[in-house]
């Protein structure tokens, strides 16, 4: 066990990051936002979100075969999709459902408020951990599209070898723990309860 909860993970991650001048911290809803809020507090940086939805394998939704995000970002891992024998029709249906949820969450969390301006800034993209990396990859592409001058992908925990998969997506990769026996993100937290929409809004408005 590495982390008590997401807030503890955020504090440990902030300590690993150190100083990041002229930063904006962007959390991935929902679970990445409490982590990102602690990082933003430690850096004295504004907090924003990057709404991304995993495209889960139909028979095993926790296994991501890709991700979609705001601004039309889309990442697909053909290796996983083919191994799981997901048809084009199944993929289209998963994407249809997730695009509807993406729109709902974006409207709910932003509430008409404009996104924080990222142009020319260092953007620290934060999630509560990385499994396949598809959502993190989509998020990095989104903030690049929004004008980030430099992208730092920072997570509390990720499997060994994650840097090879994501090296080209961010200028810097930061992680607290990279266990060789990685099974699931939640196994490294004492409390990994689901983050609610209300908690996301509290973090963004607080």
N, C-alpha and C. Protein backbone atom coordinates (compact mmCIF):
# COMPACT_ATOMS: atom_id res chain seq x y z
N UNK A 1 0.84 -1.19 0.00
CA UNK A 1 0.00 0.00 0.00
C UNK A 1 0.88 1.25 0.00
N UNK A 2 0.64 2.12 -0.96
CA UNK A 2 1.46 3.32 -1.09
C UNK A 2 0.75 4.58 -0.61
N UNK A 3 -0.60 4.63 -0.76
CA UNK A 3 -1.33 5.87 -0.50
C UNK A 3 -2.54 5.62 0.40
N UNK A 4 -2.77 6.55 1.33
CA UNK A 4 -3.94 6.45 2.18
C UNK A 4 -5.21 6.68 1.36
N UNK A 5 -5.22 7.74 0.58
CA UNK A 5 -6.34 8.08 -0.29
C UNK A 5 -5.83 8.99 -1.40
N UNK A 6 -6.73 9.54 -2.20
CA UNK A 6 -6.29 10.36 -3.32
C UNK A 6 -5.63 11.66 -2.87
N UNK A 7 -6.08 12.22 -1.77
CA UNK A 7 -5.47 13.46 -1.28
C UNK A 7 -4.03 13.20 -0.84
N UNK A 8 -3.82 12.09 -0.15
CA UNK A 8 -2.46 11.71 0.25
C UNK A 8 -1.60 11.48 -0.99
N UNK A 9 -2.16 10.84 -2.00
CA UNK A 9 -1.43 10.60 -3.24
C UNK A 9 -1.04 11.91 -3.90
N UNK A 10 -1.96 12.89 -3.86
CA UNK A 10 -1.67 14.19 -4.45
C UNK A 10 -0.54 14.90 -3.73
N UNK A 11 -0.51 14.80 -2.42
CA UNK A 11 0.56 15.45 -1.65
C UNK A 11 1.91 14.79 -1.95
N UNK A 12 1.91 13.46 -2.03
CA UNK A 12 3.16 12.77 -2.36
C UNK A 12 3.62 13.10 -3.78
N UNK A 13 2.66 13.21 -4.69
CA UNK A 13 3.00 13.53 -6.08
C UNK A 13 3.55 14.95 -6.18
N UNK A 14 2.95 15.88 -5.45
CA UNK A 14 3.44 17.27 -5.46
C UNK A 14 4.88 17.35 -4.96
N UNK A 15 5.18 16.57 -3.93
CA UNK A 15 6.55 16.55 -3.40
C UNK A 15 7.53 16.01 -4.44
N UNK A 16 7.09 15.03 -5.21
CA UNK A 16 7.95 14.47 -6.26
C UNK A 16 8.15 15.47 -7.40
N UNK A 17 7.12 16.25 -7.71
CA UNK A 17 7.20 17.22 -8.79
C UNK A 17 8.16 18.36 -8.48
N UNK A 18 8.10 18.86 -7.24
CA UNK A 18 8.89 20.04 -6.90
C UNK A 18 8.29 21.28 -7.53
N UNK A 19 9.10 22.31 -7.73
CA UNK A 19 8.61 23.58 -8.29
C UNK A 19 8.37 23.45 -9.79
N UNK A 20 7.23 23.98 -10.24
CA UNK A 20 6.90 24.03 -11.67
C UNK A 20 6.43 25.45 -11.97
N UNK A 21 7.31 26.30 -12.47
CA UNK A 21 6.93 27.70 -12.72
C UNK A 21 5.84 27.84 -13.77
N UNK A 22 4.97 28.83 -13.58
CA UNK A 22 3.93 29.20 -14.55
C UNK A 22 3.09 27.99 -14.96
N UNK A 23 2.67 27.21 -13.97
CA UNK A 23 1.95 25.97 -14.26
C UNK A 23 0.44 26.13 -14.15
N UNK A 24 -0.26 25.32 -14.91
CA UNK A 24 -1.69 25.06 -14.73
C UNK A 24 -1.81 23.56 -14.49
N UNK A 25 -2.56 23.18 -13.47
CA UNK A 25 -2.76 21.77 -13.16
C UNK A 25 -4.12 21.34 -13.71
N UNK A 26 -4.12 20.25 -14.47
CA UNK A 26 -5.34 19.75 -15.09
C UNK A 26 -5.59 18.33 -14.60
N UNK A 27 -6.74 18.12 -13.95
CA UNK A 27 -7.09 16.80 -13.43
C UNK A 27 -8.06 16.08 -14.34
N UNK A 28 -7.97 14.76 -14.36
CA UNK A 28 -8.89 13.95 -15.15
C UNK A 28 -10.04 13.49 -14.25
N UNK A 29 -11.28 13.96 -14.54
CA UNK A 29 -12.43 13.54 -13.73
C UNK A 29 -12.71 12.06 -13.94
N UNK A 30 -13.19 11.35 -12.93
CA UNK A 30 -13.40 12.01 -11.66
C UNK A 30 -12.23 11.82 -10.70
N UNK A 31 -11.69 10.60 -10.66
CA UNK A 31 -10.70 10.27 -9.63
C UNK A 31 -9.43 11.09 -9.64
N UNK A 32 -9.06 11.64 -10.78
CA UNK A 32 -7.83 12.41 -10.85
C UNK A 32 -7.95 13.81 -10.26
N UNK A 33 -9.18 14.29 -10.07
CA UNK A 33 -9.36 15.67 -9.61
C UNK A 33 -8.93 15.89 -8.16
N UNK A 34 -9.29 15.01 -7.21
CA UNK A 34 -8.78 15.20 -5.85
C UNK A 34 -7.26 15.16 -5.77
N UNK A 35 -6.63 14.33 -6.58
CA UNK A 35 -5.17 14.28 -6.64
C UNK A 35 -4.64 15.60 -7.19
N UNK A 36 -5.24 16.05 -8.28
CA UNK A 36 -4.80 17.28 -8.93
C UNK A 36 -5.00 18.49 -8.03
N UNK A 37 -6.07 18.49 -7.23
CA UNK A 37 -6.33 19.62 -6.34
C UNK A 37 -5.21 19.80 -5.33
N UNK A 38 -4.67 18.70 -4.81
CA UNK A 38 -3.56 18.78 -3.86
C UNK A 38 -2.29 19.26 -4.56
N UNK A 39 -2.08 18.81 -5.80
CA UNK A 39 -0.91 19.25 -6.56
C UNK A 39 -1.01 20.75 -6.84
N UNK A 40 -2.20 21.20 -7.27
CA UNK A 40 -2.39 22.62 -7.57
C UNK A 40 -2.18 23.47 -6.32
N UNK A 41 -2.67 22.99 -5.18
CA UNK A 41 -2.49 23.73 -3.92
C UNK A 41 -1.01 23.86 -3.58
N UNK A 42 -0.27 22.78 -3.73
CA UNK A 42 1.16 22.80 -3.40
C UNK A 42 1.96 23.70 -4.35
N UNK A 43 1.55 23.73 -5.62
CA UNK A 43 2.27 24.53 -6.61
C UNK A 43 1.80 25.98 -6.64
N UNK A 44 0.67 26.26 -5.98
CA UNK A 44 0.09 27.59 -6.07
C UNK A 44 -0.38 27.89 -7.47
N UNK A 45 -0.93 26.85 -8.14
CA UNK A 45 -1.31 26.95 -9.55
C UNK A 45 -2.82 26.83 -9.70
N UNK A 46 -3.38 27.40 -10.76
CA UNK A 46 -4.81 27.21 -11.02
C UNK A 46 -5.12 25.75 -11.36
N UNK A 47 -6.35 25.33 -11.05
CA UNK A 47 -6.80 23.97 -11.30
C UNK A 47 -7.88 23.98 -12.37
N UNK A 48 -7.76 23.08 -13.33
CA UNK A 48 -8.79 22.91 -14.35
C UNK A 48 -8.99 21.41 -14.54
N UNK A 49 -9.89 21.07 -15.43
CA UNK A 49 -10.15 19.66 -15.74
C UNK A 49 -9.93 19.40 -17.22
N UNK A 50 -9.75 18.14 -17.54
CA UNK A 50 -9.71 17.68 -18.92
C UNK A 50 -10.62 16.45 -18.96
N UNK A 51 -11.81 16.63 -19.53
CA UNK A 51 -12.79 15.55 -19.50
C UNK A 51 -12.45 14.52 -20.57
N UNK A 52 -12.17 13.32 -20.11
CA UNK A 52 -11.77 12.21 -20.98
C UNK A 52 -12.59 10.99 -20.56
N UNK A 53 -12.99 10.19 -21.52
CA UNK A 53 -13.73 8.96 -21.22
C UNK A 53 -12.99 7.76 -21.83
N UNK A 54 -12.82 6.75 -21.01
CA UNK A 54 -12.20 5.51 -21.48
C UNK A 54 -13.18 4.76 -22.37
N UNK A 55 -12.67 4.14 -23.42
CA UNK A 55 -13.45 3.22 -24.24
C UNK A 55 -13.14 1.82 -23.75
N UNK A 56 -14.03 1.28 -22.94
CA UNK A 56 -13.78 -0.02 -22.32
C UNK A 56 -14.20 -1.18 -23.21
N UNK A 57 -13.49 -2.28 -23.12
CA UNK A 57 -13.86 -3.51 -23.83
C UNK A 57 -15.24 -3.94 -23.33
N UNK A 58 -16.20 -4.24 -24.22
CA UNK A 58 -17.57 -4.53 -23.79
C UNK A 58 -17.70 -5.59 -22.69
N UNK A 59 -16.95 -6.68 -22.79
CA UNK A 59 -17.08 -7.74 -21.78
C UNK A 59 -16.20 -7.50 -20.56
N UNK A 60 -15.35 -6.48 -20.63
CA UNK A 60 -14.45 -6.15 -19.52
C UNK A 60 -14.23 -4.63 -19.52
N UNK A 61 -15.25 -3.88 -19.09
CA UNK A 61 -15.22 -2.42 -19.23
C UNK A 61 -14.04 -1.72 -18.57
N UNK A 62 -13.45 -2.35 -17.54
CA UNK A 62 -12.31 -1.72 -16.89
C UNK A 62 -11.05 -1.74 -17.76
N UNK A 63 -11.04 -2.61 -18.77
CA UNK A 63 -9.90 -2.69 -19.68
C UNK A 63 -10.11 -1.70 -20.81
N UNK A 64 -9.27 -0.69 -20.88
CA UNK A 64 -9.42 0.35 -21.89
C UNK A 64 -8.81 -0.04 -23.22
N UNK A 65 -9.60 0.09 -24.28
CA UNK A 65 -9.06 -0.13 -25.63
C UNK A 65 -8.86 1.21 -26.34
N UNK A 66 -9.09 2.30 -25.61
CA UNK A 66 -8.91 3.62 -26.17
C UNK A 66 -9.57 4.65 -25.27
N UNK A 67 -9.64 5.88 -25.78
CA UNK A 67 -10.24 6.97 -25.01
C UNK A 67 -10.67 8.08 -25.95
N UNK A 68 -11.64 8.85 -25.50
CA UNK A 68 -12.06 10.05 -26.22
C UNK A 68 -12.03 11.21 -25.25
N UNK A 69 -11.95 12.44 -25.79
CA UNK A 69 -11.89 13.60 -24.91
C UNK A 69 -12.46 14.83 -25.56
N UNK A 70 -12.51 15.91 -24.79
CA UNK A 70 -12.99 17.18 -25.28
C UNK A 70 -12.19 17.61 -26.51
N UNK A 71 -12.85 18.35 -27.38
CA UNK A 71 -12.16 18.85 -28.57
C UNK A 71 -11.98 17.81 -29.66
N UNK A 72 -12.68 16.66 -29.53
CA UNK A 72 -12.61 15.64 -30.56
C UNK A 72 -11.42 14.70 -30.45
N UNK A 73 -10.67 14.77 -29.35
CA UNK A 73 -9.51 13.87 -29.18
C UNK A 73 -9.97 12.41 -29.13
N UNK A 74 -9.21 11.55 -29.79
CA UNK A 74 -9.55 10.12 -29.82
C UNK A 74 -8.27 9.31 -29.92
N UNK A 75 -8.15 8.33 -29.05
CA UNK A 75 -6.99 7.44 -29.03
C UNK A 75 -7.52 6.02 -29.03
N UNK A 76 -6.98 5.16 -29.89
CA UNK A 76 -7.42 3.77 -29.96
C UNK A 76 -6.21 2.86 -29.91
N UNK A 77 -6.28 1.85 -29.04
CA UNK A 77 -5.22 0.85 -28.94
C UNK A 77 -5.68 -0.39 -29.71
N UNK A 78 -5.24 -0.48 -30.95
CA UNK A 78 -5.69 -1.58 -31.81
C UNK A 78 -5.24 -2.94 -31.28
N UNK A 79 -4.12 -2.96 -30.61
CA UNK A 79 -3.62 -4.22 -30.06
C UNK A 79 -4.62 -4.81 -29.06
N UNK A 80 -5.11 -3.96 -28.15
CA UNK A 80 -6.08 -4.43 -27.16
C UNK A 80 -7.42 -4.75 -27.83
N UNK A 81 -7.85 -3.89 -28.74
CA UNK A 81 -9.14 -4.12 -29.41
C UNK A 81 -9.15 -5.44 -30.15
N UNK A 82 -8.08 -5.72 -30.88
CA UNK A 82 -8.03 -6.96 -31.66
C UNK A 82 -7.91 -8.18 -30.75
N UNK A 83 -7.12 -8.05 -29.68
CA UNK A 83 -6.96 -9.18 -28.76
C UNK A 83 -8.29 -9.52 -28.09
N UNK A 84 -9.11 -8.49 -27.83
CA UNK A 84 -10.42 -8.71 -27.20
C UNK A 84 -11.51 -9.03 -28.22
N UNK A 85 -11.16 -9.04 -29.49
CA UNK A 85 -12.08 -9.36 -30.59
C UNK A 85 -13.30 -8.43 -30.59
N UNK A 86 -13.05 -7.16 -30.42
CA UNK A 86 -14.12 -6.17 -30.44
C UNK A 86 -14.38 -5.77 -31.89
N UNK A 87 -15.62 -5.91 -32.34
CA UNK A 87 -15.97 -5.59 -33.72
C UNK A 87 -16.11 -4.07 -33.90
N UNK A 88 -16.15 -3.65 -35.14
CA UNK A 88 -16.34 -2.23 -35.43
C UNK A 88 -17.68 -1.73 -34.88
N UNK A 89 -18.70 -2.58 -34.99
CA UNK A 89 -20.03 -2.20 -34.48
C UNK A 89 -20.01 -2.04 -32.96
N UNK A 90 -19.33 -2.96 -32.28
CA UNK A 90 -19.23 -2.87 -30.82
C UNK A 90 -18.45 -1.61 -30.41
N UNK A 91 -17.37 -1.34 -31.11
CA UNK A 91 -16.58 -0.14 -30.83
C UNK A 91 -17.42 1.11 -31.01
N UNK A 92 -18.19 1.16 -32.10
CA UNK A 92 -19.04 2.33 -32.38
C UNK A 92 -20.07 2.53 -31.28
N UNK A 93 -20.63 1.46 -30.76
CA UNK A 93 -21.63 1.57 -29.69
C UNK A 93 -21.00 2.05 -28.38
N UNK A 94 -19.84 1.50 -28.05
CA UNK A 94 -19.13 1.97 -26.84
C UNK A 94 -18.82 3.45 -26.97
N UNK A 95 -18.36 3.85 -28.14
CA UNK A 95 -18.01 5.26 -28.35
C UNK A 95 -19.24 6.16 -28.28
N UNK A 96 -20.36 5.70 -28.80
CA UNK A 96 -21.60 6.49 -28.75
C UNK A 96 -22.01 6.76 -27.30
N UNK A 97 -21.97 5.71 -26.48
CA UNK A 97 -22.35 5.85 -25.07
C UNK A 97 -21.39 6.79 -24.35
N UNK A 98 -20.11 6.61 -24.59
CA UNK A 98 -19.11 7.42 -23.88
C UNK A 98 -19.11 8.88 -24.34
N UNK A 99 -19.45 9.13 -25.60
CA UNK A 99 -19.53 10.53 -26.05
C UNK A 99 -20.69 11.25 -25.37
N UNK A 100 -21.78 10.54 -25.14
CA UNK A 100 -22.91 11.14 -24.43
C UNK A 100 -22.52 11.47 -23.00
N UNK A 101 -21.79 10.56 -22.35
CA UNK A 101 -21.35 10.81 -20.97
C UNK A 101 -20.29 11.91 -20.93
N UNK A 102 -19.44 11.96 -21.93
CA UNK A 102 -18.44 13.03 -22.03
C UNK A 102 -19.12 14.40 -22.07
N UNK A 103 -20.14 14.51 -22.89
CA UNK A 103 -20.87 15.78 -23.01
C UNK A 103 -21.56 16.14 -21.70
N UNK A 104 -22.15 15.13 -21.04
CA UNK A 104 -22.84 15.38 -19.77
C UNK A 104 -21.87 15.89 -18.72
N UNK A 105 -20.76 15.21 -18.59
CA UNK A 105 -19.79 15.59 -17.56
C UNK A 105 -19.16 16.95 -17.84
N UNK A 106 -18.87 17.22 -19.09
CA UNK A 106 -18.28 18.51 -19.44
C UNK A 106 -19.22 19.64 -19.06
N UNK A 107 -20.50 19.49 -19.38
CA UNK A 107 -21.49 20.52 -19.04
C UNK A 107 -21.66 20.63 -17.53
N UNK A 108 -21.68 19.50 -16.86
CA UNK A 108 -21.88 19.48 -15.40
C UNK A 108 -20.71 20.14 -14.67
N UNK A 109 -19.49 19.78 -15.03
CA UNK A 109 -18.33 20.27 -14.30
C UNK A 109 -17.99 21.72 -14.63
N UNK A 110 -18.16 22.09 -15.89
CA UNK A 110 -17.78 23.46 -16.27
C UNK A 110 -18.88 24.45 -15.92
N UNK A 111 -20.13 24.03 -16.00
CA UNK A 111 -21.24 24.89 -15.60
C UNK A 111 -21.23 26.24 -16.28
N UNK A 112 -20.79 26.27 -17.53
CA UNK A 112 -20.74 27.54 -18.25
C UNK A 112 -19.48 28.33 -18.03
N UNK A 113 -18.62 27.89 -17.11
CA UNK A 113 -17.36 28.61 -16.86
C UNK A 113 -16.36 28.28 -17.97
N UNK A 114 -15.61 29.27 -18.45
CA UNK A 114 -14.63 28.99 -19.50
C UNK A 114 -13.45 28.20 -18.94
N UNK A 115 -12.81 27.38 -19.76
CA UNK A 115 -11.61 26.67 -19.31
C UNK A 115 -10.49 27.66 -18.97
N UNK A 116 -9.58 27.24 -18.11
CA UNK A 116 -8.39 28.05 -17.82
C UNK A 116 -7.55 28.14 -19.09
N UNK A 117 -7.02 29.30 -19.38
CA UNK A 117 -6.20 29.49 -20.57
C UNK A 117 -4.87 28.73 -20.41
N UNK A 118 -4.57 27.90 -21.40
CA UNK A 118 -3.35 27.08 -21.34
C UNK A 118 -2.25 27.56 -22.28
N UNK A 119 -2.56 28.45 -23.18
CA UNK A 119 -1.59 28.87 -24.20
C UNK A 119 -0.30 29.39 -23.56
N UNK A 120 0.80 28.78 -23.99
CA UNK A 120 2.11 29.22 -23.53
C UNK A 120 2.48 28.79 -22.13
N UNK A 121 1.63 28.02 -21.47
CA UNK A 121 1.87 27.61 -20.08
C UNK A 121 2.41 26.18 -20.01
N UNK A 122 3.00 25.86 -18.86
CA UNK A 122 3.34 24.46 -18.55
C UNK A 122 2.10 23.83 -17.94
N UNK A 123 1.62 22.76 -18.52
CA UNK A 123 0.40 22.10 -18.05
C UNK A 123 0.76 20.76 -17.42
N UNK A 124 0.38 20.61 -16.16
CA UNK A 124 0.62 19.36 -15.43
C UNK A 124 -0.67 18.55 -15.48
N UNK A 125 -0.67 17.46 -16.24
CA UNK A 125 -1.83 16.59 -16.38
C UNK A 125 -1.76 15.52 -15.29
N UNK A 126 -2.81 15.44 -14.47
CA UNK A 126 -2.79 14.56 -13.29
C UNK A 126 -3.97 13.59 -13.32
N UNK A 127 -3.68 12.33 -13.05
CA UNK A 127 -4.72 11.33 -12.81
C UNK A 127 -4.35 10.57 -11.55
N UNK A 128 -5.25 9.69 -11.08
CA UNK A 128 -4.96 8.95 -9.84
C UNK A 128 -4.12 7.70 -10.09
N UNK A 129 -3.78 7.46 -11.34
CA UNK A 129 -2.92 6.33 -11.69
C UNK A 129 -3.08 6.01 -13.17
N UNK A 130 -2.20 5.17 -13.67
CA UNK A 130 -2.25 4.77 -15.08
C UNK A 130 -2.30 3.25 -15.16
N UNK A 131 -3.20 2.76 -16.00
CA UNK A 131 -3.26 1.33 -16.27
C UNK A 131 -2.78 1.10 -17.71
N UNK A 132 -3.69 1.28 -18.70
CA UNK A 132 -3.27 1.15 -20.10
C UNK A 132 -2.66 2.44 -20.63
N UNK A 133 -3.05 3.58 -20.06
CA UNK A 133 -2.51 4.86 -20.49
C UNK A 133 -3.30 5.56 -21.57
N UNK A 134 -4.42 4.97 -22.02
CA UNK A 134 -5.16 5.57 -23.13
C UNK A 134 -5.80 6.91 -22.74
N UNK A 135 -6.36 7.00 -21.52
CA UNK A 135 -6.98 8.27 -21.13
C UNK A 135 -5.92 9.35 -20.92
N UNK A 136 -4.79 8.98 -20.34
CA UNK A 136 -3.71 9.95 -20.16
C UNK A 136 -3.19 10.45 -21.50
N UNK A 137 -3.09 9.56 -22.45
CA UNK A 137 -2.63 9.94 -23.79
C UNK A 137 -3.59 10.93 -24.43
N UNK A 138 -4.89 10.66 -24.33
CA UNK A 138 -5.89 11.57 -24.89
C UNK A 138 -5.81 12.93 -24.21
N UNK A 139 -5.64 12.94 -22.89
CA UNK A 139 -5.57 14.21 -22.14
C UNK A 139 -4.36 15.03 -22.57
N UNK A 140 -3.23 14.39 -22.75
CA UNK A 140 -2.03 15.11 -23.18
C UNK A 140 -2.25 15.73 -24.56
N UNK A 141 -2.92 15.02 -25.43
CA UNK A 141 -3.19 15.56 -26.76
C UNK A 141 -4.15 16.75 -26.70
N UNK A 142 -5.12 16.67 -25.81
CA UNK A 142 -6.09 17.76 -25.66
C UNK A 142 -5.39 19.04 -25.21
N UNK A 143 -4.55 18.94 -24.18
CA UNK A 143 -3.91 20.17 -23.68
C UNK A 143 -2.91 20.72 -24.70
N UNK A 144 -2.33 19.85 -25.50
CA UNK A 144 -1.47 20.33 -26.60
C UNK A 144 -2.32 21.14 -27.59
N UNK A 145 -3.50 20.60 -27.92
CA UNK A 145 -4.39 21.29 -28.85
C UNK A 145 -4.81 22.65 -28.29
N UNK A 146 -4.89 22.75 -26.98
CA UNK A 146 -5.30 24.00 -26.34
C UNK A 146 -4.13 24.97 -26.15
N UNK A 147 -2.96 24.61 -26.65
CA UNK A 147 -1.86 25.56 -26.68
C UNK A 147 -0.80 25.42 -25.62
N UNK A 148 -0.80 24.33 -24.87
CA UNK A 148 0.23 24.14 -23.84
C UNK A 148 1.62 24.20 -24.45
N UNK A 149 2.51 24.97 -23.82
CA UNK A 149 3.89 25.06 -24.30
C UNK A 149 4.70 23.84 -23.87
N UNK A 150 4.35 23.30 -22.71
CA UNK A 150 5.06 22.14 -22.16
C UNK A 150 4.05 21.29 -21.39
N UNK A 151 4.12 19.98 -21.55
CA UNK A 151 3.18 19.07 -20.89
C UNK A 151 3.94 18.15 -19.96
N UNK A 152 3.50 18.12 -18.71
CA UNK A 152 4.05 17.21 -17.70
C UNK A 152 2.93 16.25 -17.31
N UNK A 153 3.12 14.97 -17.51
CA UNK A 153 2.15 13.96 -17.09
C UNK A 153 2.59 13.42 -15.75
N UNK A 154 1.75 13.60 -14.72
CA UNK A 154 2.13 13.23 -13.36
C UNK A 154 1.06 12.36 -12.72
N UNK A 155 1.47 11.20 -12.21
CA UNK A 155 0.53 10.27 -11.58
C UNK A 155 1.18 9.64 -10.34
N UNK A 156 0.37 9.24 -9.38
CA UNK A 156 0.94 8.59 -8.19
C UNK A 156 1.50 7.20 -8.48
N UNK A 157 0.81 6.44 -9.34
CA UNK A 157 1.23 5.05 -9.56
C UNK A 157 1.00 4.64 -11.00
N UNK A 158 1.92 3.83 -11.53
CA UNK A 158 1.82 3.33 -12.90
C UNK A 158 2.64 2.05 -13.00
N UNK A 159 2.30 1.18 -13.94
CA UNK A 159 3.06 -0.07 -14.08
C UNK A 159 4.43 0.16 -14.67
N UNK A 160 5.34 -0.72 -14.38
CA UNK A 160 6.67 -0.67 -14.99
C UNK A 160 6.50 -0.69 -16.51
N UNK A 161 7.26 0.14 -17.19
CA UNK A 161 7.18 0.20 -18.65
C UNK A 161 6.24 1.26 -19.18
N UNK A 162 5.53 1.95 -18.28
CA UNK A 162 4.57 2.95 -18.75
C UNK A 162 5.24 4.11 -19.48
N UNK A 163 6.48 4.41 -19.11
CA UNK A 163 7.19 5.53 -19.75
C UNK A 163 7.42 5.26 -21.24
N UNK A 164 7.68 4.03 -21.59
CA UNK A 164 7.91 3.70 -22.99
C UNK A 164 6.64 3.94 -23.82
N UNK A 165 5.47 3.68 -23.23
CA UNK A 165 4.21 3.83 -23.94
C UNK A 165 3.80 5.30 -24.10
N UNK A 166 4.24 6.15 -23.18
CA UNK A 166 3.73 7.53 -23.16
C UNK A 166 4.80 8.60 -23.37
N UNK A 167 6.03 8.17 -23.59
CA UNK A 167 7.13 9.12 -23.68
C UNK A 167 6.88 10.21 -24.72
N UNK A 168 6.33 9.88 -25.86
CA UNK A 168 6.14 10.87 -26.91
C UNK A 168 4.96 11.80 -26.70
N UNK A 169 4.14 11.51 -25.69
CA UNK A 169 2.93 12.31 -25.47
C UNK A 169 3.17 13.49 -24.53
N UNK A 170 4.17 13.43 -23.69
CA UNK A 170 4.45 14.50 -22.72
C UNK A 170 5.94 14.82 -22.74
N UNK A 171 6.26 16.04 -22.32
CA UNK A 171 7.66 16.45 -22.26
C UNK A 171 8.36 15.90 -21.03
N UNK A 172 7.58 15.61 -20.00
CA UNK A 172 8.14 15.03 -18.77
C UNK A 172 7.12 14.09 -18.16
N UNK A 173 7.60 12.98 -17.63
CA UNK A 173 6.75 11.98 -16.98
C UNK A 173 7.19 11.85 -15.53
N UNK A 174 6.25 12.01 -14.60
CA UNK A 174 6.55 11.97 -13.17
C UNK A 174 5.63 10.97 -12.49
N UNK A 175 6.21 10.11 -11.65
CA UNK A 175 5.43 9.09 -10.96
C UNK A 175 6.05 8.82 -9.60
N UNK A 176 5.22 8.57 -8.60
CA UNK A 176 5.71 8.26 -7.26
C UNK A 176 6.14 6.79 -7.17
N UNK A 177 5.30 5.89 -7.67
CA UNK A 177 5.57 4.46 -7.54
C UNK A 177 5.35 3.76 -8.88
N UNK A 178 6.29 2.89 -9.26
CA UNK A 178 6.20 2.12 -10.49
C UNK A 178 6.42 0.64 -10.19
N UNK A 179 5.46 0.01 -9.47
CA UNK A 179 5.65 -1.37 -9.03
C UNK A 179 5.67 -2.38 -10.17
N UNK A 180 6.51 -3.36 -10.03
CA UNK A 180 6.60 -4.43 -11.03
C UNK A 180 5.39 -5.35 -10.96
N UNK A 181 4.76 -5.45 -9.78
CA UNK A 181 3.63 -6.35 -9.59
C UNK A 181 2.30 -5.61 -9.70
N UNK A 182 2.20 -4.70 -10.64
CA UNK A 182 1.00 -3.88 -10.83
C UNK A 182 -0.17 -4.75 -11.28
N UNK A 183 -1.29 -4.63 -10.55
CA UNK A 183 -2.51 -5.35 -10.92
C UNK A 183 -3.63 -4.37 -11.27
N UNK A 184 -3.90 -3.45 -10.36
CA UNK A 184 -4.93 -2.44 -10.57
C UNK A 184 -4.57 -1.21 -9.76
N UNK A 185 -4.98 -0.03 -10.23
CA UNK A 185 -4.64 1.21 -9.55
C UNK A 185 -5.11 1.19 -8.11
N UNK A 186 -6.34 0.74 -7.89
CA UNK A 186 -6.93 0.76 -6.56
C UNK A 186 -6.20 -0.08 -5.53
N UNK A 187 -5.42 -1.04 -5.96
CA UNK A 187 -4.73 -1.91 -5.01
C UNK A 187 -3.60 -1.19 -4.29
N UNK A 188 -3.26 0.02 -4.75
CA UNK A 188 -2.19 0.78 -4.10
C UNK A 188 -2.72 1.90 -3.21
N UNK A 189 -4.04 1.92 -3.02
CA UNK A 189 -4.70 2.87 -2.15
C UNK A 189 -5.44 2.15 -1.04
N UNK A 190 -5.34 2.67 0.20
CA UNK A 190 -6.14 2.12 1.29
C UNK A 190 -7.61 2.47 1.07
N UNK A 191 -7.88 3.69 0.60
CA UNK A 191 -9.23 4.14 0.28
C UNK A 191 -9.26 4.57 -1.17
N UNK A 192 -9.96 3.79 -2.00
CA UNK A 192 -10.07 4.11 -3.42
C UNK A 192 -11.54 4.16 -3.82
N UNK A 193 -12.35 4.72 -2.91
CA UNK A 193 -13.77 4.84 -3.18
C UNK A 193 -14.02 5.75 -4.37
N UNK A 194 -15.15 5.56 -5.03
CA UNK A 194 -15.47 6.34 -6.22
C UNK A 194 -15.62 7.82 -5.88
N UNK A 195 -14.99 8.66 -6.66
CA UNK A 195 -15.13 10.11 -6.52
C UNK A 195 -16.46 10.53 -7.13
N UNK A 196 -17.22 11.38 -6.43
CA UNK A 196 -18.53 11.81 -6.91
C UNK A 196 -18.42 13.10 -7.72
N UNK A 197 -19.48 13.40 -8.48
CA UNK A 197 -19.55 14.67 -9.20
C UNK A 197 -19.45 15.84 -8.23
N UNK A 198 -20.09 15.70 -7.07
CA UNK A 198 -20.07 16.78 -6.07
C UNK A 198 -18.65 17.05 -5.59
N UNK A 199 -17.86 16.01 -5.40
CA UNK A 199 -16.47 16.19 -4.96
C UNK A 199 -15.64 16.87 -6.04
N UNK A 200 -15.90 16.55 -7.29
CA UNK A 200 -15.20 17.21 -8.40
C UNK A 200 -15.52 18.70 -8.39
N UNK A 201 -16.81 19.01 -8.26
CA UNK A 201 -17.24 20.42 -8.27
C UNK A 201 -16.68 21.17 -7.08
N UNK A 202 -16.65 20.54 -5.90
CA UNK A 202 -16.08 21.18 -4.71
C UNK A 202 -14.61 21.54 -4.94
N UNK A 203 -13.87 20.61 -5.56
CA UNK A 203 -12.45 20.86 -5.82
C UNK A 203 -12.26 22.01 -6.80
N UNK A 204 -13.10 22.04 -7.83
CA UNK A 204 -12.95 23.07 -8.85
C UNK A 204 -13.38 24.45 -8.36
N UNK A 205 -14.37 24.48 -7.49
CA UNK A 205 -14.89 25.76 -7.01
C UNK A 205 -14.20 26.22 -5.73
N UNK A 206 -13.45 25.29 -5.10
CA UNK A 206 -12.80 25.63 -3.85
C UNK A 206 -11.51 26.33 -4.03
